Amino acid sequence: MKKNSPLPVALPLIRVVRGQRVILDSDLARLYGVSTGQLNQQFRRNRRRFPADFAYSLTRDETAAMISQIVTSSGRRNRRRAPIVYTEHGAVMAANVLKSARAVAMSVEVVRAFVQLRKIASSHGNIERILAELEAAVPARLNLHDKKIEALFGLLGALIQENPEQASGIRRVGSA
């Protein structure tokens, strides 16, 4: 029997921004055991290693939306620079440029979290497809069942009439 593996610690930290699954710089820094400033400094120093599909800065509107969506400490709200978000590939690249043992170990957990999220999204897609198929099939089946039930009621109504002798043309025993 296969045991269920525990959920990756980074799974609840993943958010969707601009249609991409990302992790906030402060959350990634905490996982990697470094300060947010140190993580972002490595991002700026190694900018060529972080193309736009690996990591990017949030706009003011995105930052405001992010702050309103999550409970944040006062330290996160008083930032001088916009937060940087890292995609799955950006999180791995950040672990590489940080070169710390903890960052490398935790990058495996971060990747597992992104993979787990993909599996969850995939299963939801399958469920949505199945529900759509059922939704399309149910009215046709109900219409068919409605017709059969209607015919059944018609037959029962014909069998159970006010005067049973007239319905079958046969006189009951003992009746005059």
C-alpha atoms as a PDB file:
ATOM      1  CA  MET A   1       0.000   0.000   0.000  1.00  0.00           C
ATOM      2  CA  LYS A   2       1.359   3.396  -1.006  1.00  0.00           C
ATOM      3  CA  LYS A   3       1.575   6.014   1.727  1.00  0.00           C
ATOM      4  CA  ASN A   4       0.425   9.518   0.954  1.00  0.00           C
ATOM      5  CA  SER A   5       3.389  11.838   0.957  1.00  0.00           C
ATOM      6  CA  PRO A   6       2.988  14.987   3.019  1.00  0.00           C
ATOM      7  CA  LEU A   7       2.212  18.175   1.164  1.00  0.00           C
ATOM      8  CA  PRO A   8       5.233  20.321   0.367  1.00  0.00           C
ATOM      9  CA  VAL A   9       5.716  23.176   2.830  1.00  0.00           C
ATOM     10  CA  ALA A  10       5.791  25.695  -0.018  1.00  0.00           C
ATOM     11  CA  LEU A  11       2.390  24.728  -1.451  1.00  0.00           C
ATOM     12  CA  PRO A  12       0.337  27.317   0.485  1.00  0.00           C
ATOM     13  CA  LEU A  13       2.840  30.038  -0.468  1.00  0.00           C
ATOM     14  CA  ILE A  14       2.252  29.733  -4.212  1.00  0.00           C
ATOM     15  CA  ARG A  15      -0.007  32.365  -5.755  1.00  0.00           C
ATOM     16  CA  VAL A  16      -1.200  33.177  -9.248  1.00  0.00           C
ATOM     17  CA  VAL A  17      -0.038  36.483 -10.740  1.00  0.00           C
ATOM     18  CA  ARG A  18      -0.396  37.360 -14.430  1.00  0.00           C
ATOM     19  CA  GLY A  19      -1.669  33.855 -15.061  1.00  0.00           C
ATOM     20  CA  GLN A  20       1.511  32.260 -13.675  1.00  0.00           C
ATOM     21  CA  ARG A  21       2.052  30.331 -10.467  1.00  0.00           C
ATOM     22  CA  VAL A  22       4.628  32.262  -8.454  1.00  0.00           C
ATOM     23  CA  ILE A  23       6.068  32.553  -4.972  1.00  0.00           C
ATOM     24  CA  LEU A  24       6.662  35.914  -3.310  1.00  0.00           C
ATOM     25  CA  ASP A  25      10.266  36.956  -2.641  1.00  0.00           C
ATOM     26  CA  SER A  26       9.774  37.231   1.125  1.00  0.00           C
ATOM     27  CA  ASP A  27       8.270  33.724   1.286  1.00  0.00           C
ATOM     28  CA  LEU A  28      11.039  32.249  -0.858  1.00  0.00           C
ATOM     29  CA  ALA A  29      13.717  34.001   1.207  1.00  0.00           C
ATOM     30  CA  ARG A  30      12.222  32.593   4.414  1.00  0.00           C
ATOM     31  CA  LEU A  31      12.244  29.077   2.911  1.00  0.00           C
ATOM     32  CA  TYR A  32      15.840  29.462   1.743  1.00  0.00           C
ATOM     33  CA  GLY A  33      17.004  30.850   5.088  1.00  0.00           C
ATOM     34  CA  VAL A  34      18.171  34.227   3.763  1.00  0.00           C
ATOM     35  CA  SER A  35      16.864  37.756   4.045  1.00  0.00           C
ATOM     36  CA  THR A  36      14.554  39.135   1.382  1.00  0.00           C
ATOM     37  CA  GLY A  37      17.162  41.814   0.662  1.00  0.00           C
ATOM     38  CA  GLN A  38      19.853  39.212   0.093  1.00  0.00           C
ATOM     39  CA  LEU A  39      17.611  37.187  -2.251  1.00  0.00           C
ATOM     40  CA  ASN A  40      16.628  40.257  -4.271  1.00  0.00           C
ATOM     41  CA  GLN A  41      20.229  41.488  -4.369  1.00  0.00           C
ATOM     42  CA  GLN A  42      21.225  38.213  -6.024  1.00  0.00           C
ATOM     43  CA  PHE A  43      18.283  38.642  -8.409  1.00  0.00           C
ATOM     44  CA  ARG A  44      19.555  42.092  -9.426  1.00  0.00           C
ATOM     45  CA  ARG A  45      23.209  41.021  -9.643  1.00  0.00           C
ATOM     46  CA  ASN A  46      22.381  37.995 -11.787  1.00  0.00           C
ATOM     47  CA  ARG A  47      19.657  39.566 -13.905  1.00  0.00           C
ATOM     48  CA  ARG A  48      20.617  37.551 -17.029  1.00  0.00           C
ATOM     49  CA  ARG A  49      19.815  34.327 -15.178  1.00  0.00           C
ATOM     50  CA  PHE A  50      16.259  35.523 -14.480  1.00  0.00           C
ATOM     51  CA  PRO A  51      14.348  36.156 -17.699  1.00  0.00           C
ATOM     52  CA  ALA A  52      10.797  37.483 -17.384  1.00  0.00           C
ATOM     53  CA  ASP A  53       9.325  33.985 -17.267  1.00  0.00           C
ATOM     54  CA  PHE A  54      11.540  33.128 -14.248  1.00  0.00           C
ATOM     55  CA  ALA A  55      11.045  36.207 -12.047  1.00  0.00           C
ATOM     56  CA  TYR A  56       9.681  39.742 -12.252  1.00  0.00           C
ATOM     57  CA  SER A  57       8.752  42.727 -10.121  1.00  0.00           C
ATOM     58  CA  LEU A  58       5.123  43.367  -9.321  1.00  0.00           C
ATOM     59  CA  THR A  59       3.432  46.582 -10.388  1.00  0.00           C
ATOM     60  CA  ARG A  60       1.921  48.900  -7.771  1.00  0.00           C
ATOM     61  CA  ASP A  61      -1.574  47.603  -8.525  1.00  0.00           C
ATOM     62  CA  GLU A  62      -0.425  43.986  -8.254  1.00  0.00           C
ATOM     63  CA  THR A  63       1.358  44.778  -4.998  1.00  0.00           C
ATOM     64  CA  ALA A  64      -1.761  46.420  -3.583  1.00  0.00           C
ATOM     65  CA  ALA A  65      -3.876  43.450  -4.657  1.00  0.00           C
ATOM     66  CA  MET A  66      -1.381  41.017  -3.145  1.00  0.00           C
ATOM     67  CA  ILE A  67      -1.351  42.889   0.182  1.00  0.00           C
ATOM     68  CA  SER A  68      -5.158  42.899   0.313  1.00  0.00           C
ATOM     69  CA  GLN A  69      -5.325  39.161  -0.446  1.00  0.00           C
ATOM     70  CA  ILE A  70      -2.982  37.949   2.269  1.00  0.00           C
ATOM     71  CA  VAL A  71      -2.465  38.821   5.886  1.00  0.00           C
ATOM     72  CA  THR A  72       0.804  40.679   5.972  1.00  0.00           C
ATOM     73  CA  SER A  73       2.989  41.994   8.704  1.00  0.00           C
ATOM     74  CA  SER A  74       3.782  45.685   8.804  1.00  0.00           C
ATOM     75  CA  GLY A  75       7.287  44.864   7.556  1.00  0.00           C
ATOM     76  CA  ARG A  76       5.951  43.673   4.222  1.00  0.00           C
ATOM     77  CA  ARG A  77       3.793  46.721   3.666  1.00  0.00           C
ATOM     78  CA  ASN A  78       6.590  49.245   4.183  1.00  0.00           C
ATOM     79  CA  ARG A  79       8.837  48.149   1.349  1.00  0.00           C
ATOM     80  CA  ARG A  80      10.863  50.585  -0.705  1.00  0.00           C
ATOM     81  CA  ARG A  81      10.824  48.395  -3.790  1.00  0.00           C
ATOM     82  CA  ALA A  82       8.089  46.353  -5.382  1.00  0.00           C
ATOM     83  CA  PRO A  83       8.143  42.686  -4.426  1.00  0.00           C
ATOM     84  CA  ILE A  84       9.694  40.232  -6.843  1.00  0.00           C
ATOM     85  CA  VAL A  85       7.854  37.014  -7.607  1.00  0.00           C
ATOM     86  CA  TYR A  86       9.591  33.834  -8.721  1.00  0.00           C
ATOM     87  CA  THR A  87       8.147  31.113 -10.937  1.00  0.00           C
ATOM     88  CA  GLU A  88       9.137  27.475 -10.463  1.00  0.00           C
ATOM     89  CA  HIS A  89      12.211  27.918 -12.673  1.00  0.00           C
ATOM     90  CA  GLY A  90      13.084  31.208 -11.000  1.00  0.00           C
ATOM     91  CA  ALA A  91      12.982  29.576  -7.561  1.00  0.00           C
ATOM     92  CA  VAL A  92      15.456  26.922  -8.718  1.00  0.00           C
ATOM     93  CA  MET A  93      17.708  29.563 -10.284  1.00  0.00           C
ATOM     94  CA  ALA A  94      17.582  31.596  -7.059  1.00  0.00           C
ATOM     95  CA  ALA A  95      18.772  28.555  -5.109  1.00  0.00           C
ATOM     96  CA  ASN A  96      21.651  28.202  -7.576  1.00  0.00           C
ATOM     97  CA  VAL A  97      22.809  31.800  -7.259  1.00  0.00           C
ATOM     98  CA  LEU A  98      22.490  31.777  -3.457  1.00  0.00           C
ATOM     99  CA  LYS A  99      24.766  28.734  -3.230  1.00  0.00           C
ATOM    100  CA  SER A 100      23.672  27.777   0.263  1.00  0.00           C
ATOM    101  CA  ALA A 101      22.979  24.179   1.271  1.00  0.00           C
ATOM    102  CA  ARG A 102      19.590  25.085   2.721  1.00  0.00           C
ATOM    103  CA  ALA A 103      18.545  26.932  -0.439  1.00  0.00           C
ATOM    104  CA  VAL A 104      19.436  23.931  -2.583  1.00  0.00           C
ATOM    105  CA  ALA A 105      17.569  21.536  -0.261  1.00  0.00           C
ATOM    106  CA  MET A 106      14.516  23.765  -0.054  1.00  0.00           C
ATOM    107  CA  SER A 107      14.433  24.312  -3.825  1.00  0.00           C
ATOM    108  CA  VAL A 108      13.517  20.634  -4.115  1.00  0.00           C
ATOM    109  CA  GLU A 109      10.536  21.272  -1.817  1.00  0.00           C
ATOM    110  CA  VAL A 110       9.534  24.333  -3.825  1.00  0.00           C
ATOM    111  CA  VAL A 111       9.632  22.349  -7.076  1.00  0.00           C
ATOM    112  CA  ARG A 112       7.575  19.589  -5.438  1.00  0.00           C
ATOM    113  CA  ALA A 113       5.001  22.199  -4.427  1.00  0.00           C
ATOM    114  CA  PHE A 114       4.733  23.506  -7.988  1.00  0.00           C
ATOM    115  CA  VAL A 115       4.405  19.927  -9.306  1.00  0.00           C
ATOM    116  CA  GLN A 116       1.716  19.143  -6.723  1.00  0.00           C
ATOM    117  CA  LEU A 117      -0.177  22.262  -7.748  1.00  0.00           C
ATOM    118  CA  ARG A 118       0.014  21.200 -11.401  1.00  0.00           C
ATOM    119  CA  LYS A 119      -1.440  17.794 -10.474  1.00  0.00           C
ATOM    120  CA  ILE A 120      -4.251  19.436  -8.540  1.00  0.00           C
ATOM    121  CA  ALA A 121      -5.015  21.803 -11.428  1.00  0.00           C
ATOM    122  CA  SER A 122      -4.963  18.894 -13.863  1.00  0.00           C
ATOM    123  CA  SER A 123      -7.415  16.864 -11.794  1.00  0.00           C
ATOM    124  CA  HIS A 124      -9.713  19.883 -11.523  1.00  0.00           C
ATOM    125  CA  GLY A 125      -9.593  20.222 -15.308  1.00  0.00           C
ATOM    126  CA  ASN A 126     -10.656  16.588 -15.669  1.00  0.00           C
ATOM    127  CA  ILE A 127     -13.459  17.077 -13.154  1.00  0.00           C
ATOM    128  CA  GLU A 128     -14.673  20.175 -15.016  1.00  0.00           C
ATOM    129  CA  ARG A 129     -14.679  18.233 -18.310  1.00  0.00           C
ATOM    130  CA  ILE A 130     -16.611  15.318 -16.776  1.00  0.00           C
ATOM    131  CA  LEU A 131     -19.145  17.682 -15.197  1.00  0.00           C
ATOM    132  CA  ALA A 132     -19.672  19.434 -18.528  1.00  0.00           C
ATOM    133  CA  GLU A 133     -20.292  16.076 -20.223  1.00  0.00           C
ATOM    134  CA  LEU A 134     -22.759  15.067 -17.499  1.00  0.00           C
ATOM    135  CA  GLU A 135     -24.496  18.414 -17.696  1.00  0.00           C
ATOM    136  CA  ALA A 136     -24.999  17.921 -21.421  1.00  0.00           C
ATOM    137  CA  ALA A 137     -26.166  14.298 -21.041  1.00  0.00           C
ATOM    138  CA  VAL A 138     -28.562  14.711 -18.096  1.00  0.00           C
ATOM    139  CA  PRO A 139     -31.273  16.781 -19.859  1.00  0.00           C
ATOM    140  CA  ALA A 140     -31.487  14.253 -22.697  1.00  0.00           C
ATOM    141  CA  ARG A 141     -31.765  11.383 -20.217  1.00  0.00           C
ATOM    142  CA  LEU A 142     -34.321  13.258 -18.144  1.00  0.00           C
ATOM    143  CA  ASN A 143     -36.443  13.944 -21.198  1.00  0.00           C
ATOM    144  CA  LEU A 144     -36.379  10.236 -22.062  1.00  0.00           C
ATOM    145  CA  HIS A 145     -37.260   9.302 -18.461  1.00  0.00           C
ATOM    146  CA  ASP A 146     -40.019  11.937 -18.374  1.00  0.00           C
ATOM    147  CA  LYS A 147     -41.613  10.383 -21.471  1.00  0.00           C
ATOM    148  CA  LYS A 148     -41.393   6.890 -19.995  1.00  0.00           C
ATOM    149  CA  ILE A 149     -42.863   8.062 -16.684  1.00  0.00           C
ATOM    150  CA  GLU A 150     -45.645   9.858 -18.531  1.00  0.00           C
ATOM    151  CA  ALA A 151     -46.444   6.674 -20.473  1.00  0.00           C
ATOM    152  CA  LEU A 152     -46.387   4.661 -17.230  1.00  0.00           C
ATOM    153  CA  PHE A 153     -48.845   7.062 -15.588  1.00  0.00           C
ATOM    154  CA  GLY A 154     -51.072   6.799 -18.664  1.00  0.00           C
ATOM    155  CA  LEU A 155     -51.089   2.988 -18.415  1.00  0.00           C
ATOM    156  CA  LEU A 156     -51.723   3.107 -14.678  1.00  0.00           C
ATOM    157  CA  GLY A 157     -54.538   5.582 -15.220  1.00  0.00           C
ATOM    158  CA  ALA A 158     -56.145   3.282 -17.765  1.00  0.00           C
ATOM    159  CA  LEU A 159     -55.872   0.323 -15.392  1.00  0.00           C
ATOM    160  CA  ILE A 160     -57.277   2.205 -12.420  1.00  0.00           C
ATOM    161  CA  GLN A 161     -60.518   3.660 -13.653  1.00  0.00           C
ATOM    162  CA  GLU A 162     -63.621   4.498 -11.694  1.00  0.00           C
ATOM    163  CA  ASN A 163     -65.510   1.485 -13.001  1.00  0.00           C
ATOM    164  CA  PRO A 164     -63.230  -1.561 -13.332  1.00  0.00           C
ATOM    165  CA  GLU A 165     -65.916  -3.636 -15.191  1.00  0.00           C
ATOM    166  CA  GLN A 166     -66.008  -1.080 -17.986  1.00  0.00           C
ATOM    167  CA  ALA A 167     -62.250  -0.970 -18.245  1.00  0.00           C
ATOM    168  CA  SER A 168     -61.818  -4.666 -18.972  1.00  0.00           C
ATOM    169  CA  GLY A 169     -65.289  -5.688 -20.145  1.00  0.00           C
ATOM    170  CA  ILE A 170     -65.200  -8.580 -17.654  1.00  0.00           C
ATOM    171  CA  ARG A 171     -67.694  -8.827 -14.856  1.00  0.00           C
ATOM    172  CA  ARG A 172     -66.359  -9.432 -11.412  1.00  0.00           C
ATOM    173  CA  VAL A 173     -67.355 -12.570  -9.564  1.00  0.00           C
ATOM    174  CA  GLY A 174     -70.174 -11.958  -7.209  1.00  0.00           C
ATOM    175  CA  SER A 175     -71.374  -8.802  -8.909  1.00  0.00           C
ATOM    176  CA  ALA A 176     -74.857  -8.620 -10.340  1.00  0.00           C
END
